[in-house]
Amino acid sequence: MLQKYLLLWLVLSSLLAGVWPNLFGTDVIDPFVFSKDWLGWIVAIVMFCVGTLLPVEEVKLVLRRWPLILGGTAFQYASMPFLAWFVATSLGFEGDLLVGMIMVGCVPGAMASNVLTMVANGNVSYSVGLTTSATLLSPIVVPIVLKLTLGETADAALLQKTALLLVIQVVVPVISGFLICRVSQAMAKSSKRVSSILANLSILWIIAVVVALNRDNIKALPMLLMLALLLINMGGYICGQLGGRIMRIDSGMRRALMLEIGMQNAGVGASLAKSLFPDHPQIALPCGLFAFGCMTTGTILAEVFKRMPEKTD
């Protein structure tokens, strides 16, 4: 129910976060704003759940296909940050929104891409491998990309903090979740459904917090920002298709690569923006908006692929 209608719940939870003061007044505690300092822990919970959901068989398969996994990850990290920077600067964005859009391009792929790859009749094990690879490499790649795109804005202290946060909030929880569930098969089976539900609820809450912190900004939301994020999203799908053809992988793997590159982990991006730039909530706004866009377009793309024979795409 939750996974099937995730986009609907995303809209409803974010809408509630946006109108909370109008519904309950300022005398009632705002749970979304109140929990803003917990975003890092919530992201860690999401990534721990992702780790528990990684099947041993798929991890072994991924290790045997490591050149294709690293190739796909290389395409992702080479295309999305540059695409985000190019779109943002070409359309004249600067300041907080420019940094926020580059954050959208820097983070690894979203867990939702794995689910939508299954819907699209794509190669799920390859999708899981791409997500895992991009996640584990993010503490190294993201600081480098931030330095290349932001220049002097990204000083040494900021880059070190970025790497440390990604290790603590992303890499360690994923590895811990995977190892803990390998202790017992019974534990792995019982945790699968709980982890899936908890991960999805956490993602919904993170995006809702971003909306709550940007209520005033959203009221004056420029359509140009929506267009820019859509261009980044669509460009990601195109880069995934081109990358798959360059690597000469089969149709199922190309579908996985398209969804992986086009769909970014908005939860990690929003948490990272909040931790790195606590006095600039608008930086997290593009990450929150991108979640709506990539979930919508990703769902549509997956449904289109589902109805197409693999050899035709």
Foldseek 3Di string as FASTA:
>chain_A
DCLVPVLVLLVVLLVCLLCVCVVPNPVDDRVLQVCLVCLLVLLLLLQLLLLLQDDPVLVVVLVVVVVVLVLLLVLLLVFQLVLLLVLCVVLPHDDLQSLLSSLQSQFFFAPSLLVLLVLLVFDSSSLSSNRLVRLQCSLPRSLVSCCVRVPPVSDPVLNNVLSVSSCVRHVVSNNVSNVVCVVDVVSSVVSNVVSVVSSSVSLSSLLSSLSNVCSVVVVVPDVSLVVSLLSSLVSQLVSLQVSCVVVVDFLRSSSSSSLRSSGGHLSVSQSSCCVSPVPRSVSSVSSSSSNSVSVVVSNVVSNVSSPDDSVVD
